[in-house]
Protein backbone atom coordinates (compact mmCIF):
# COMPACT_ATOMS: atom_id res chain seq x y z
CA MET A 1 11.95 3.17 6.38
CA ILE A 2 8.79 1.44 7.54
CA THR A 3 9.51 -2.21 8.32
CA GLU A 4 7.56 -5.36 9.13
CA THR A 5 8.70 -8.83 10.06
CA GLY A 6 7.40 -11.85 8.18
CA LYS A 7 8.14 -15.38 7.13
CA VAL A 8 8.96 -16.61 3.62
CA VAL A 9 6.28 -19.14 2.71
CA ALA A 10 6.97 -19.76 -0.99
CA GLU A 11 9.32 -18.94 -3.85
CA LYS A 12 8.18 -17.83 -7.28
CA GLY A 13 11.10 -17.34 -9.64
CA GLU A 14 13.07 -14.27 -8.62
CA ARG A 15 10.46 -13.35 -5.98
CA VAL A 16 9.26 -14.76 -2.68
CA TRP A 17 5.92 -14.74 -0.91
CA VAL A 18 6.27 -13.27 2.59
CA GLN A 19 3.53 -13.80 5.15
CA THR A 20 3.04 -11.17 7.84
CA ILE A 21 0.58 -10.96 10.70
CA ARG A 22 -1.09 -7.60 10.91
CA ALA A 23 -0.49 -6.25 14.39
CA SER A 24 -2.31 -3.27 15.77
CA ALA A 25 -1.09 -0.83 18.39
CA CYS A 26 -4.64 0.34 19.03
CA GLN A 27 -4.74 -0.81 22.65
CA SER A 28 -2.05 1.65 23.70
CA CYS A 29 -3.12 4.56 21.51
CA ALA A 30 -4.77 7.60 23.08
CA ALA A 31 -6.87 8.31 19.96
CA ARG A 32 -8.31 4.79 19.65
CA SER A 33 -11.92 5.83 20.22
CA GLY A 34 -12.08 8.03 17.13
CA CYS A 35 -9.70 6.28 14.78
CA GLY A 36 -10.66 4.58 11.54
CA GLN A 37 -7.58 2.35 11.62
CA ARG A 38 -8.91 0.72 14.80
CA VAL A 39 -12.13 -0.18 13.01
CA LEU A 40 -10.19 -1.71 10.11
CA ALA A 41 -7.89 -3.66 12.43
CA SER A 42 -10.79 -5.04 14.44
CA ALA A 43 -12.65 -6.02 11.27
CA THR A 44 -9.74 -8.05 9.93
CA GLY A 45 -8.91 -9.63 13.28
CA GLY A 46 -5.13 -9.48 12.85
CA ARG A 47 -5.17 -12.08 10.11
CA ALA A 48 -2.22 -13.03 7.97
CA ASN A 49 -1.31 -11.16 4.81
CA GLN A 50 0.95 -12.35 2.01
CA ILE A 51 3.01 -10.11 -0.21
CA LEU A 52 5.17 -10.92 -3.23
CA VAL A 53 8.55 -9.18 -3.08
CA PRO A 54 11.78 -9.43 -5.10
CA ASN A 55 14.22 -11.86 -3.49
CA SER A 56 17.23 -9.54 -3.39
CA ILE A 57 18.84 -11.17 -0.33
CA ASN A 58 18.54 -14.84 -1.32
CA ALA A 59 15.95 -15.74 1.30
CA ARG A 60 14.62 -19.29 1.43
CA VAL A 61 11.30 -20.80 2.43
CA GLY A 62 11.02 -20.78 6.22
CA ASP A 63 13.33 -17.80 6.76
CA GLU A 64 12.12 -14.99 8.98
CA VAL A 65 12.73 -11.76 7.09
CA THR A 66 12.25 -8.04 7.50
CA ILE A 67 10.51 -6.26 4.63
CA GLY A 68 10.50 -2.50 4.30
CA ILE A 69 9.29 0.40 2.24
CA ASP A 70 10.68 3.90 2.16
CA GLU A 71 8.45 6.57 3.71
CA ARG A 72 8.72 8.75 0.61
CA ALA A 73 7.67 5.89 -1.62
CA LEU A 74 4.68 5.22 0.62
CA LEU A 75 3.69 8.89 0.57
CA GLY A 76 4.12 9.06 -3.21
CA ALA A 77 2.04 5.93 -3.73
CA SER A 78 -0.68 7.29 -1.45
CA LEU A 79 -0.81 10.55 -3.37
CA LEU A 80 -0.93 8.67 -6.66
CA VAL A 81 -3.71 6.34 -5.55
CA TYR A 82 -5.87 8.76 -3.55
CA ALA A 83 -5.04 12.40 -4.27
CA LEU A 84 -4.71 12.29 -8.06
CA PRO A 85 -8.14 10.71 -8.73
CA LEU A 86 -9.81 12.94 -6.14
CA LEU A 87 -8.21 16.08 -7.54
CA LEU A 88 -9.17 15.20 -11.12
CA MET A 89 -12.72 14.38 -10.00
CA VAL A 90 -13.15 17.78 -8.35
CA VAL A 91 -11.61 19.70 -11.26
CA ALA A 92 -13.72 17.82 -13.81
CA SER A 93 -16.85 18.37 -11.73
CA VAL A 94 -16.26 22.13 -11.54
CA LEU A 95 -15.51 22.31 -15.26
CA GLY A 96 -18.60 20.27 -16.11
CA HIS A 97 -20.73 22.51 -13.91
CA ARG A 98 -19.39 25.70 -15.48
CA LEU A 99 -19.51 24.47 -19.07
CA SER A 100 -23.09 23.22 -18.70
CA GLY A 101 -24.37 26.51 -17.35
CA GLY A 102 -24.83 25.28 -13.78
CA GLN A 103 -26.60 21.98 -14.42
CA ASP A 104 -25.93 19.10 -12.06
CA ALA A 105 -26.15 16.07 -14.38
CA PRO A 106 -23.22 17.11 -16.62
CA ALA A 107 -21.20 18.01 -13.52
CA MET A 108 -21.80 14.53 -12.06
CA MET A 109 -20.89 12.83 -15.33
CA ALA A 110 -17.75 14.95 -15.58
CA ALA A 111 -16.87 14.00 -11.98
CA VAL A 112 -17.12 10.29 -12.82
CA VAL A 113 -14.99 10.80 -15.95
CA GLY A 114 -12.43 12.78 -13.91
CA LEU A 115 -12.29 10.08 -11.24
CA ALA A 116 -11.80 7.36 -13.88
CA ALA A 117 -9.11 9.45 -15.58
CA GLY A 118 -7.37 9.86 -12.23
CA PHE A 119 -7.33 6.11 -11.59
CA TRP A 120 -6.16 5.42 -15.13
CA GLY A 121 -3.47 8.13 -14.94
CA GLY A 122 -2.27 6.88 -11.57
CA ARG A 123 -2.00 3.36 -12.95
CA LYS A 124 0.04 4.58 -15.94
CA LEU A 125 2.34 6.70 -13.76
CA GLN A 126 2.86 3.79 -11.36
CA SER A 127 3.83 1.44 -14.17
CA ARG A 128 6.44 3.96 -15.38
CA VAL A 129 8.07 4.29 -11.98
CA GLY A 130 8.26 0.52 -11.70
CA SER A 131 9.55 -1.01 -8.49
CA HIS A 132 10.03 2.31 -6.67
CA TYR A 133 6.76 1.81 -4.77
CA GLU A 134 7.31 -1.89 -4.00
CA PRO A 135 8.35 -3.15 -0.59
CA ARG A 136 11.69 -4.92 -0.55
CA LEU A 137 13.48 -7.46 1.58
CA VAL A 138 15.78 -5.73 4.04
CA ARG A 139 17.38 -8.66 5.84
CA VAL A 140 17.04 -12.29 6.89
CA ASN A 141 16.60 -12.48 10.65
CA ARG A 142 18.86 -15.30 11.74
CA ILE A 143 19.57 -16.09 15.36
CA THR A 144 23.19 -17.06 15.90
CA SER A 145 24.42 -18.67 19.07
CA ALA A 146 27.55 -20.43 20.18
CA ASN A 147 25.38 -23.20 21.70
CA CYS A 148 23.60 -24.03 18.44
CA PRO A 149 25.31 -26.35 15.93
């Protein structure tokens, strides 16, 4: 499970808004000079992100919580969002090229239609799966001490 620590900043019905600060490990990474993630992290400047998650552990505003997402769910969501549209775009482009007798314009139009169909299909598949791809609250991080009242 991939986890991140955040703070509950608001409640919305059965869900809570959790604010996290994007941290980057780019300074200690050996591949930092050729990595696209480093460019994205430097562009955003480690700013705060907010995410709406189901409040399954009864967290309250001000609580520090750990949110997590299963690695398989993250991989599945990535394939749904990136691979499906790309695959359908390539297949539609090849079909458009072959069916048009080798002309480029129909192949390009077919590629756009395939890409749109991939995004639409991914959206429909995601809505069927429901909350499988959503992050969830793992625990409330409370510090307990004998010295604290």
